[in-house]
């Protein structure tokens, strides 16, 4: 099973339509997880033509009512429990105890294998205990700077192992992000 990961598209405030390279990267996925701040449903409608799309409501999505948007998601995908939320404390800056408390407040007793989040526009892969945390960054406003090609993610799930990767959007397509190594678990 292959899952597309995306966050913080901020459309149409950033650009009118998502880069075609992102759509191409998601052509063969089984589902797409958007970790919030889409601003309108247009990008979700487009992504949903490729695969079922789920969205964690971001701080820029208030007032958008749609069954594909929730504050938090817990999905069973290919044998993994995948959680998704927009705003999440940085595993790079917060201790595991703080993150576990945050998880308990937002997800209760559920312990996701993978947690997808957004908000910061900073791509990253982290491990907190047994959980893999992934922020796919922003495809349109990377690092909260100017409009340019940013990043997306892919979660590949198999019975033997699973891998999450961050992909850099380029003029030619997508490639592995130089500074974020894939994480297998």
Protein backbone atom coordinates (compact mmCIF):
# COMPACT_ATOMS: atom_id res chain seq x y z
CA UNK A 1 0.00 0.00 0.00
CA UNK A 2 1.27 3.49 -0.87
CA UNK A 3 0.03 6.64 0.89
CA UNK A 4 0.66 10.21 -0.31
CA UNK A 5 1.47 12.76 2.41
CA UNK A 6 1.01 16.49 2.00
CA UNK A 7 0.38 19.53 4.21
CA UNK A 8 0.18 23.30 4.19
CA UNK A 9 -0.80 23.89 0.57
CA UNK A 10 -2.33 27.30 1.45
CA UNK A 11 -4.24 27.53 -1.83
CA UNK A 12 -5.20 29.69 -3.56
CA UNK A 13 -3.23 32.11 -1.32
CA UNK A 14 0.09 30.62 -2.38
CA UNK A 15 -0.53 29.41 -5.93
CA UNK A 16 -3.71 28.78 -7.92
CA UNK A 17 -3.12 25.05 -8.53
CA UNK A 18 -0.80 22.51 -6.96
CA UNK A 19 2.40 21.77 -8.88
CA UNK A 20 1.72 19.04 -11.50
CA UNK A 21 4.76 17.14 -10.19
CA UNK A 22 2.92 16.55 -6.89
CA UNK A 23 -0.11 15.14 -8.71
CA UNK A 24 2.20 12.91 -10.77
CA UNK A 25 3.88 11.59 -7.60
CA UNK A 26 0.46 10.70 -6.16
CA UNK A 27 -0.95 8.98 -9.30
CA UNK A 28 -0.39 5.44 -7.97
CA UNK A 29 -1.24 5.97 -4.27
CA UNK A 30 -4.05 4.22 -2.41
CA UNK A 31 -4.89 7.21 -0.19
CA UNK A 32 -3.72 10.78 0.41
CA UNK A 33 -3.35 12.35 3.85
CA UNK A 34 -3.38 16.17 3.90
CA UNK A 35 -2.23 17.49 7.28
CA UNK A 36 -4.16 20.75 7.02
CA UNK A 37 -4.05 24.40 6.02
CA UNK A 38 -5.56 23.93 2.60
CA UNK A 39 -7.78 27.08 2.83
CA UNK A 40 -10.32 25.86 0.24
CA UNK A 41 -11.59 22.45 -0.80
CA UNK A 42 -10.32 22.84 -4.37
CA UNK A 43 -7.03 21.02 -3.72
CA UNK A 44 -8.87 18.24 -1.85
CA UNK A 45 -11.30 17.81 -4.74
CA UNK A 46 -8.36 17.51 -7.15
CA UNK A 47 -6.42 15.08 -4.95
CA UNK A 48 -9.56 13.03 -4.33
CA UNK A 49 -9.68 12.27 -8.07
CA UNK A 50 -6.40 10.38 -7.58
CA UNK A 51 -7.22 8.59 -4.32
CA UNK A 52 -9.44 8.96 -1.24
CA UNK A 53 -8.18 12.08 0.56
CA UNK A 54 -8.39 12.77 4.29
CA UNK A 55 -7.63 16.19 5.82
CA UNK A 56 -6.67 17.24 9.34
CA UNK A 57 -8.27 20.65 9.87
CA UNK A 58 -5.60 23.33 10.10
CA UNK A 59 -5.71 26.74 11.70
CA UNK A 60 -6.40 28.19 8.23
CA UNK A 61 -9.34 25.86 7.55
CA UNK A 62 -11.94 27.16 10.01
CA UNK A 63 -15.37 27.39 8.50
CA UNK A 64 -14.73 24.65 5.94
CA UNK A 65 -17.31 21.91 6.44
CA UNK A 66 -16.73 18.63 4.65
CA UNK A 67 -16.73 14.96 5.70
CA UNK A 68 -13.08 14.68 4.58
CA UNK A 69 -11.99 17.20 7.28
CA UNK A 70 -11.56 16.38 10.96
CA UNK A 71 -9.43 17.80 13.73
CA UNK A 72 -7.72 14.40 14.12
CA UNK A 73 -7.80 11.18 12.15
CA UNK A 74 -6.97 7.63 13.11
CA UNK A 75 -6.87 5.32 10.11
CA UNK A 76 -5.96 1.65 9.73
CA UNK A 77 -3.88 1.47 6.56
CA UNK A 78 -2.15 -1.70 5.42
CA UNK A 79 -1.93 -3.05 8.96
CA UNK A 80 -0.58 0.19 10.46
CA UNK A 81 -2.43 2.62 12.71
CA UNK A 82 -1.87 6.07 11.22
CA UNK A 83 -2.82 9.22 13.11
CA UNK A 84 -3.04 12.67 11.56
CA UNK A 85 -3.30 16.14 13.09
CA UNK A 86 -2.34 19.59 11.86
CA UNK A 87 -0.53 21.19 14.79
CA UNK A 88 1.92 19.02 16.71
CA UNK A 89 4.91 19.76 18.96
CA UNK A 90 8.25 19.35 17.24
CA UNK A 91 9.83 16.01 18.18
CA UNK A 92 13.15 17.72 17.57
CA UNK A 93 12.52 20.28 20.32
CA UNK A 94 10.19 18.60 22.83
CA UNK A 95 10.92 15.63 25.08
CA UNK A 96 9.10 12.34 24.53
CA UNK A 97 7.06 12.81 27.72
CA UNK A 98 5.63 16.10 26.42
CA UNK A 99 4.73 14.52 23.08
CA UNK A 100 3.13 11.51 24.77
CA UNK A 101 0.97 13.87 26.86
CA UNK A 102 -0.04 15.78 23.73
CA UNK A 103 -0.94 12.50 22.04
CA UNK A 104 -3.06 11.41 25.01
CA UNK A 105 -5.00 14.71 24.96
CA UNK A 106 -5.74 14.47 21.23
CA UNK A 107 -5.84 10.72 20.52
CA UNK A 108 -6.80 9.21 23.88
CA UNK A 109 -5.63 5.63 24.29
CA UNK A 110 -4.82 5.20 20.57
CA UNK A 111 -1.11 4.69 19.92
CA UNK A 112 -0.45 5.30 16.21
CA UNK A 113 2.45 3.57 14.49
CA UNK A 114 2.80 6.67 12.30
CA UNK A 115 1.73 10.24 13.03
CA UNK A 116 1.40 12.71 10.14
CA UNK A 117 1.34 16.42 10.97
CA UNK A 118 1.93 19.83 9.39
CA UNK A 119 1.69 23.49 10.48
CA UNK A 120 5.41 24.36 10.56
CA UNK A 121 6.15 23.94 6.82
CA UNK A 122 9.35 22.18 7.97
CA UNK A 123 9.75 18.69 6.57
CA UNK A 124 11.06 16.04 8.93
CA UNK A 125 11.03 12.42 10.07
CA UNK A 126 11.37 11.54 13.75
CA UNK A 127 10.92 8.61 16.08
CA UNK A 128 9.22 9.10 19.44
CA UNK A 129 9.23 5.79 21.27
CA UNK A 130 7.65 3.30 18.87
CA UNK A 131 5.88 6.00 16.83
CA UNK A 132 7.28 7.49 13.61
CA UNK A 133 6.37 11.17 13.21
CA UNK A 134 6.41 12.73 9.75
CA UNK A 135 5.86 16.29 8.63
CA UNK A 136 5.84 16.32 4.81
CA UNK A 137 6.56 20.06 4.85
CA UNK A 138 4.78 22.30 2.36
CA UNK A 139 4.73 21.80 -1.42
CA UNK A 140 4.10 25.50 -2.04
CA UNK A 141 5.62 27.50 0.84
CA UNK A 142 8.57 25.45 2.11
CA UNK A 143 10.04 26.63 5.40
CA UNK A 144 7.35 29.37 5.40
CA UNK A 145 9.30 31.36 2.85
CA UNK A 146 8.53 32.35 -0.73
CA UNK A 147 6.38 30.42 -3.17
CA UNK A 148 8.55 27.75 -4.75
CA UNK A 149 8.82 23.99 -5.10
CA UNK A 150 8.64 22.39 -1.68
CA UNK A 151 8.17 18.89 -0.33
CA UNK A 152 5.65 16.06 -0.03
CA UNK A 153 5.90 12.58 1.48
CA UNK A 154 5.21 8.95 0.69
CA UNK A 155 4.41 6.17 3.16
CA UNK A 156 5.04 2.72 1.66
CA UNK A 157 3.50 -0.10 3.69
CA UNK A 158 4.26 -3.78 3.14
CA UNK A 159 3.99 -6.89 5.28
CA UNK A 160 7.79 -7.05 5.67
CA UNK A 161 8.54 -3.40 6.51
CA UNK A 162 7.31 0.11 5.97
CA UNK A 163 9.17 3.19 4.79
CA UNK A 164 8.32 6.86 4.94
CA UNK A 165 10.17 9.27 2.64
CA UNK A 166 10.24 13.00 2.04
CA UNK A 167 10.34 14.02 -1.62
CA UNK A 168 11.59 17.32 -3.01
CA UNK A 169 9.52 18.71 -5.87
CA UNK A 170 11.75 19.80 -8.77
CA UNK A 171 11.18 21.15 -12.28
CA UNK A 172 11.61 17.60 -13.60
CA UNK A 173 9.41 15.78 -11.06
CA UNK A 174 10.27 14.65 -7.54
CA UNK A 175 13.42 13.23 -5.99
CA UNK A 176 14.49 12.06 -2.56
CA UNK A 177 15.05 15.04 -0.27
CA UNK A 178 18.77 15.47 0.32
CA UNK A 179 18.66 16.26 4.04
CA UNK A 180 15.90 13.90 5.22
CA UNK A 181 16.80 10.22 4.99
CA UNK A 182 13.95 7.69 4.50
CA UNK A 183 12.87 6.00 7.69
CA UNK A 184 12.15 2.24 7.67
CA UNK A 185 10.30 0.52 10.47
